Amino acid sequence: MSSLLTIEEEIQKLPEDDFIVLREWFQDFDSMKWDTQIEADVTNGNLDDLANSALNDFKSGKYKAL
């Protein structure tokens, strides 16, 4: 049995209180991973083209006010 399947089975067995704690931890962990990836993308210039395109669209009036 793979590790992932074992983890899934163990999660399903958790008492409700423990599941709530796990869910909150995982949401925090996932957010941290996302933030780390975005920071790396910004540092590496991976978002430069997207940002420049958005700025050019804004400057040329190609946007929709919210």
PDB file of N, CA and C in Angstrom:
ATOM      1  N   MET A   1       0.863  -1.182   0.000  1.00  0.00           N
ATOM      2  CA  MET A   1       0.000   0.000   0.000  1.00  0.00           C
ATOM      3  C   MET A   1       0.898   1.231   0.000  1.00  0.00           C
ATOM      4  N   SER A   2       0.547   2.204  -0.793  1.00  0.00           N
ATOM      5  CA  SER A   2       1.376   3.405  -0.863  1.00  0.00           C
ATOM      6  C   SER A   2       1.216   4.271   0.379  1.00  0.00           C
ATOM      7  N   SER A   3       2.193   5.116   0.594  1.00  0.00           N
ATOM      8  CA  SER A   3       2.151   6.020   1.744  1.00  0.00           C
ATOM      9  C   SER A   3       0.923   6.911   1.693  1.00  0.00           C
ATOM     10  N   LEU A   4       0.592   7.397   0.504  1.00  0.00           N
ATOM     11  CA  LEU A   4      -0.558   8.287   0.370  1.00  0.00           C
ATOM     12  C   LEU A   4      -1.850   7.584   0.770  1.00  0.00           C
ATOM     13  N   LEU A   5      -2.021   6.365   0.333  1.00  0.00           N
ATOM     14  CA  LEU A   5      -3.231   5.621   0.708  1.00  0.00           C
ATOM     15  C   LEU A   5      -3.285   5.398   2.218  1.00  0.00           C
ATOM     16  N   THR A   6      -2.143   5.113   2.813  1.00  0.00           N
ATOM     17  CA  THR A   6      -2.095   4.934   4.266  1.00  0.00           C
ATOM     18  C   THR A   6      -2.493   6.216   4.976  1.00  0.00           C
ATOM     19  N   ILE A   7      -1.960   7.339   4.505  1.00  0.00           N
ATOM     20  CA  ILE A   7      -2.301   8.642   5.102  1.00  0.00           C
ATOM     21  C   ILE A   7      -3.795   8.916   4.952  1.00  0.00           C
ATOM     22  N   GLU A   8      -4.332   8.672   3.775  1.00  0.00           N
ATOM     23  CA  GLU A   8      -5.768   8.901   3.551  1.00  0.00           C
ATOM     24  C   GLU A   8      -6.611   8.062   4.504  1.00  0.00           C
ATOM     25  N   GLU A   9      -6.246   6.818   4.651  1.00  0.00           N
ATOM     26  CA  GLU A   9      -7.006   5.941   5.546  1.00  0.00           C
ATOM     27  C   GLU A   9      -6.926   6.425   6.997  1.00  0.00           C
ATOM     28  N   GLU A  10      -5.745   6.857   7.412  1.00  0.00           N
ATOM     29  CA  GLU A  10      -5.574   7.338   8.783  1.00  0.00           C
ATOM     30  C   GLU A  10      -6.348   8.634   9.011  1.00  0.00           C
ATOM     31  N   ILE A  11      -6.376   9.492   8.022  1.00  0.00           N
ATOM     32  CA  ILE A  11      -7.152  10.737   8.149  1.00  0.00           C
ATOM     33  C   ILE A  11      -8.629  10.424   8.327  1.00  0.00           C
ATOM     34  N   GLN A  12      -9.114   9.458   7.583  1.00  0.00           N
ATOM     35  CA  GLN A  12     -10.525   9.089   7.693  1.00  0.00           C
ATOM     36  C   GLN A  12     -10.872   8.550   9.078  1.00  0.00           C
ATOM     37  N   LYS A  13      -9.899   8.038   9.789  1.00  0.00           N
ATOM     38  CA  LYS A  13     -10.135   7.473  11.117  1.00  0.00           C
ATOM     39  C   LYS A  13     -10.039   8.511  12.235  1.00  0.00           C
ATOM     40  N   LEU A  14      -9.599   9.718  11.901  1.00  0.00           N
ATOM     41  CA  LEU A  14      -9.397  10.727  12.940  1.00  0.00           C
ATOM     42  C   LEU A  14     -10.702  11.131  13.610  1.00  0.00           C
ATOM     43  N   PRO A  15     -10.646  11.366  14.921  1.00  0.00           N
ATOM     44  CA  PRO A  15     -11.803  11.972  15.593  1.00  0.00           C
ATOM     45  C   PRO A  15     -12.024  13.380  15.036  1.00  0.00           C
ATOM     46  N   GLU A  16     -13.231  13.859  15.119  1.00  0.00           N
ATOM     47  CA  GLU A  16     -13.589  15.151  14.527  1.00  0.00           C
ATOM     48  C   GLU A  16     -12.679  16.287  14.995  1.00  0.00           C
ATOM     49  N   ASP A  17     -12.388  16.358  16.283  1.00  0.00           N
ATOM     50  CA  ASP A  17     -11.530  17.429  16.811  1.00  0.00           C
ATOM     51  C   ASP A  17     -10.137  17.384  16.189  1.00  0.00           C
ATOM     52  N   ASP A  18      -9.579  16.198  16.061  1.00  0.00           N
ATOM     53  CA  ASP A  18      -8.261  16.065  15.451  1.00  0.00           C
ATOM     54  C   ASP A  18      -8.307  16.409  13.964  1.00  0.00           C
ATOM     55  N   PHE A  19      -9.382  16.041  13.302  1.00  0.00           N
ATOM     56  CA  PHE A  19      -9.521  16.374  11.885  1.00  0.00           C
ATOM     57  C   PHE A  19      -9.563  17.883  11.684  1.00  0.00           C
ATOM     58  N   ILE A  20     -10.262  18.591  12.562  1.00  0.00           N
ATOM     59  CA  ILE A  20     -10.339  20.050  12.469  1.00  0.00           C
ATOM     60  C   ILE A  20      -8.948  20.661  12.617  1.00  0.00           C
ATOM     61  N   VAL A  21      -8.172  20.160  13.568  1.00  0.00           N
ATOM     62  CA  VAL A  21      -6.807  20.655  13.772  1.00  0.00           C
ATOM     63  C   VAL A  21      -5.949  20.365  12.530  1.00  0.00           C
ATOM     64  N   LEU A  22      -6.068  19.158  12.000  1.00  0.00           N
ATOM     65  CA  LEU A  22      -5.318  18.784  10.799  1.00  0.00           C
ATOM     66  C   LEU A  22      -5.692  19.683   9.624  1.00  0.00           C
ATOM     67  N   ARG A  23      -6.980  19.915   9.441  1.00  0.00           N
ATOM     68  CA  ARG A  23      -7.441  20.742   8.324  1.00  0.00           C
ATOM     69  C   ARG A  23      -6.874  22.155   8.433  1.00  0.00           C
ATOM     70  N   GLU A  24      -6.913  22.720   9.632  1.00  0.00           N
ATOM     71  CA  GLU A  24      -6.374  24.071   9.826  1.00  0.00           C
ATOM     72  C   GLU A  24      -4.871  24.089   9.574  1.00  0.00           C
ATOM     73  N   TRP A  25      -4.171  23.057  10.058  1.00  0.00           N
ATOM     74  CA  TRP A  25      -2.730  22.975   9.825  1.00  0.00           C
ATOM     75  C   TRP A  25      -2.439  22.886   8.337  1.00  0.00           C
ATOM     76  N   PHE A  26      -3.200  22.042   7.633  1.00  0.00           N
ATOM     77  CA  PHE A  26      -2.940  21.846   6.212  1.00  0.00           C
ATOM     78  C   PHE A  26      -3.223  23.122   5.420  1.00  0.00           C
ATOM     79  N   GLN A  27      -4.267  23.840   5.778  1.00  0.00           N
ATOM     80  CA  GLN A  27      -4.552  25.107   5.097  1.00  0.00           C
ATOM     81  C   GLN A  27      -3.404  26.092   5.292  1.00  0.00           C
ATOM     82  N   ASP A  28      -2.887  26.173   6.505  1.00  0.00           N
ATOM     83  CA  ASP A  28      -1.739  27.049   6.773  1.00  0.00           C
ATOM     84  C   ASP A  28      -0.507  26.593   5.999  1.00  0.00           C
ATOM     85  N   PHE A  29      -0.262  25.299   5.994  1.00  0.00           N
ATOM     86  CA  PHE A  29       0.882  24.730   5.284  1.00  0.00           C
ATOM     87  C   PHE A  29       0.770  24.994   3.786  1.00  0.00           C
ATOM     88  N   ASP A  30      -0.402  24.777   3.227  1.00  0.00           N
ATOM     89  CA  ASP A  30      -0.630  24.992   1.805  1.00  0.00           C
ATOM     90  C   ASP A  30      -0.440  26.471   1.446  1.00  0.00           C
ATOM     91  N   SER A  31      -0.929  27.357   2.280  1.00  0.00           N
ATOM     92  CA  SER A  31      -0.760  28.795   2.041  1.00  0.00           C
ATOM     93  C   SER A  31       0.715  29.176   2.065  1.00  0.00           C
ATOM     94  N   MET A  32       1.453  28.614   3.003  1.00  0.00           N
ATOM     95  CA  MET A  32       2.879  28.894   3.096  1.00  0.00           C
ATOM     96  C   MET A  32       3.616  28.405   1.849  1.00  0.00           C
ATOM     97  N   LYS A  33       3.275  27.216   1.378  1.00  0.00           N
ATOM     98  CA  LYS A  33       3.895  26.676   0.161  1.00  0.00           C
ATOM     99  C   LYS A  33       3.567  27.569  -1.038  1.00  0.00           C
ATOM    100  N   TRP A  34       2.315  28.011  -1.143  1.00  0.00           N
ATOM    101  CA  TRP A  34       1.888  28.887  -2.229  1.00  0.00           C
ATOM    102  C   TRP A  34       2.664  30.200  -2.175  1.00  0.00           C
ATOM    103  N   ASP A  35       2.750  30.803  -0.984  1.00  0.00           N
ATOM    104  CA  ASP A  35       3.477  32.062  -0.829  1.00  0.00           C
ATOM    105  C   ASP A  35       4.940  31.907  -1.224  1.00  0.00           C
ATOM    106  N   THR A  36       5.548  30.801  -0.825  1.00  0.00           N
ATOM    107  CA  THR A  36       6.943  30.542  -1.157  1.00  0.00           C
ATOM    108  C   THR A  36       7.125  30.439  -2.676  1.00  0.00           C
ATOM    109  N   GLN A  37       6.190  29.765  -3.347  1.00  0.00           N
ATOM    110  CA  GLN A  37       6.276  29.613  -4.803  1.00  0.00           C
ATOM    111  C   GLN A  37       6.095  30.955  -5.499  1.00  0.00           C
ATOM    112  N   ILE A  38       5.134  31.755  -5.053  1.00  0.00           N
ATOM    113  CA  ILE A  38       4.909  33.070  -5.659  1.00  0.00           C
ATOM    114  C   ILE A  38       6.140  33.951  -5.469  1.00  0.00           C
ATOM    115  N   GLU A  39       6.710  33.944  -4.261  1.00  0.00           N
ATOM    116  CA  GLU A  39       7.912  34.736  -4.002  1.00  0.00           C
ATOM    117  C   GLU A  39       9.050  34.310  -4.923  1.00  0.00           C
ATOM    118  N   ALA A  40       9.222  33.008  -5.113  1.00  0.00           N
ATOM    119  CA  ALA A  40      10.263  32.504  -6.006  1.00  0.00           C
ATOM    120  C   ALA A  40       9.996  32.935  -7.443  1.00  0.00           C
ATOM    121  N   ASP A  41       8.736  32.857  -7.873  1.00  0.00           N
ATOM    122  CA  ASP A  41       8.381  33.270  -9.236  1.00  0.00           C
ATOM    123  C   ASP A  41       8.662  34.752  -9.458  1.00  0.00           C
ATOM    124  N   VAL A  42       8.360  35.579  -8.464  1.00  0.00           N
ATOM    125  CA  VAL A  42       8.622  37.013  -8.565  1.00  0.00           C
ATOM    126  C   VAL A  42      10.126  37.261  -8.626  1.00  0.00           C
ATOM    127  N   THR A  43      10.864  36.633  -7.725  1.00  0.00           N
ATOM    128  CA  THR A  43      12.319  36.809  -7.667  1.00  0.00           C
ATOM    129  C   THR A  43      12.977  36.374  -8.975  1.00  0.00           C
ATOM    130  N   ASN A  44      12.499  35.282  -9.549  1.00  0.00           N
ATOM    131  CA  ASN A  44      13.080  34.739 -10.781  1.00  0.00           C
ATOM    132  C   ASN A  44      12.590  35.445 -12.038  1.00  0.00           C
ATOM    133  N   GLY A  45      11.650  36.366 -11.884  1.00  0.00           N
ATOM    134  CA  GLY A  45      11.135  37.087 -13.042  1.00  0.00           C
ATOM    135  C   GLY A  45      10.095  36.321 -13.840  1.00  0.00           C
ATOM    136  N   ASN A  46       9.590  35.227 -13.273  1.00  0.00           N
ATOM    137  CA  ASN A  46       8.625  34.402 -14.006  1.00  0.00           C
ATOM    138  C   ASN A  46       7.288  35.097 -14.240  1.00  0.00           C
ATOM    139  N   LEU A  47       7.015  36.162 -13.493  1.00  0.00           N
ATOM    140  CA  LEU A  47       5.733  36.854 -13.639  1.00  0.00           C
ATOM    141  C   LEU A  47       5.878  38.196 -14.363  1.00  0.00           C
ATOM    142  N   ASP A  48       7.103  38.529 -14.777  1.00  0.00           N
ATOM    143  CA  ASP A  48       7.342  39.829 -15.400  1.00  0.00           C
ATOM    144  C   ASP A  48       6.496  40.050 -16.648  1.00  0.00           C
ATOM    145  N   ASP A  49       6.461  39.066 -17.537  1.00  0.00           N
ATOM    146  CA  ASP A  49       5.683  39.220 -18.774  1.00  0.00           C
ATOM    147  C   ASP A  49       4.206  39.427 -18.478  1.00  0.00           C
ATOM    148  N   LEU A  50       3.686  38.685 -17.525  1.00  0.00           N
ATOM    149  CA  LEU A  50       2.275  38.812 -17.148  1.00  0.00           C
ATOM    150  C   LEU A  50       2.004  40.192 -16.567  1.00  0.00           C
ATOM    151  N   ALA A  51       2.884  40.656 -15.686  1.00  0.00           N
ATOM    152  CA  ALA A  51       2.710  41.978 -15.071  1.00  0.00           C
ATOM    153  C   ALA A  51       2.807  43.076 -16.115  1.00  0.00           C
ATOM    154  N   ASN A  52       3.775  42.980 -16.996  1.00  0.00           N
ATOM    155  CA  ASN A  52       3.929  43.991 -18.038  1.00  0.00           C
ATOM    156  C   ASN A  52       2.731  44.022 -18.980  1.00  0.00           C
ATOM    157  N   SER A  53       2.206  42.863 -19.300  1.00  0.00           N
ATOM    158  CA  SER A  53       1.018  42.796 -20.150  1.00  0.00           C
ATOM    159  C   SER A  53      -0.171  43.464 -19.461  1.00  0.00           C
ATOM    160  N   ALA A  54      -0.341  43.203 -18.187  1.00  0.00           N
ATOM    161  CA  ALA A  54      -1.446  43.808 -17.440  1.00  0.00           C
ATOM    162  C   ALA A  54      -1.281  45.322 -17.364  1.00  0.00           C
ATOM    163  N   LEU A  55      -0.067  45.789 -17.114  1.00  0.00           N
ATOM    164  CA  LEU A  55       0.176  47.238 -17.060  1.00  0.00           C
ATOM    165  C   LEU A  55      -0.077  47.897 -18.415  1.00  0.00           C
ATOM    166  N   ASN A  56       0.359  47.252 -19.480  1.00  0.00           N
ATOM    167  CA  ASN A  56       0.121  47.794 -20.824  1.00  0.00           C
ATOM    168  C   ASN A  56      -1.368  47.856 -21.138  1.00  0.00           C
ATOM    169  N   ASP A  57      -2.098  46.827 -20.773  1.00  0.00           N
ATOM    170  CA  ASP A  57      -3.553  46.839 -20.986  1.00  0.00           C
ATOM    171  C   ASP A  57      -4.196  47.970 -20.201  1.00  0.00           C
ATOM    172  N   PHE A  58      -3.759  48.178 -18.973  1.00  0.00           N
ATOM    173  CA  PHE A  58      -4.310  49.247 -18.149  1.00  0.00           C
ATOM    174  C   PHE A  58      -4.011  50.611 -18.760  1.00  0.00           C
ATOM    175  N   LYS A  59      -2.768  50.814 -19.158  1.00  0.00           N
ATOM    176  CA  LYS A  59      -2.364  52.101 -19.735  1.00  0.00           C
ATOM    177  C   LYS A  59      -3.100  52.400 -21.036  1.00  0.00           C
ATOM    178  N   SER A  60      -3.433  51.369 -21.794  1.00  0.00           N
ATOM    179  CA  SER A  60      -4.120  51.568 -23.072  1.00  0.00           C
ATOM    180  C   SER A  60      -5.643  51.545 -22.923  1.00  0.00           C
ATOM    181  N   GLY A  61      -6.123  51.444 -21.693  1.00  0.00           N
ATOM    182  CA  GLY A  61      -7.557  51.477 -21.447  1.00  0.00           C
ATOM    183  C   GLY A  61      -8.259  50.147 -21.652  1.00  0.00           C
ATOM    184  N   LYS A  62      -7.521  49.090 -21.796  1.00  0.00           N
ATOM    185  CA  LYS A  62      -8.107  47.748 -22.013  1.00  0.00           C
ATOM    186  C   LYS A  62      -8.331  47.057 -20.667  1.00  0.00           C
ATOM    187  N   TYR A  63      -9.263  47.607 -19.911  1.00  0.00           N
ATOM    188  CA  TYR A  63      -9.591  47.016 -18.625  1.00  0.00           C
ATOM    189  C   TYR A  63     -11.046  47.300 -18.312  1.00  0.00           C
ATOM    190  N   LYS A  64     -11.558  46.582 -17.372  1.00  0.00           N
ATOM    191  CA  LYS A  64     -12.948  46.740 -16.946  1.00  0.00           C
ATOM    192  C   LYS A  64     -12.947  47.130 -15.467  1.00  0.00           C
ATOM    193  N   ALA A  65     -13.516  48.278 -15.156  1.00  0.00           N
ATOM    194  CA  ALA A  65     -13.583  48.722 -13.766  1.00  0.00           C
ATOM    195  C   ALA A  65     -14.485  47.790 -12.963  1.00  0.00           C
ATOM    196  N   LEU A  66     -14.066  47.529 -11.765  1.00  0.00           N
ATOM    197  CA  LEU A  66     -14.875  46.641 -10.909  1.00  0.00           C
ATOM    198  C   LEU A  66     -15.864  47.438 -10.110  1.00  0.00           C
TER     199      LEU A  66
END
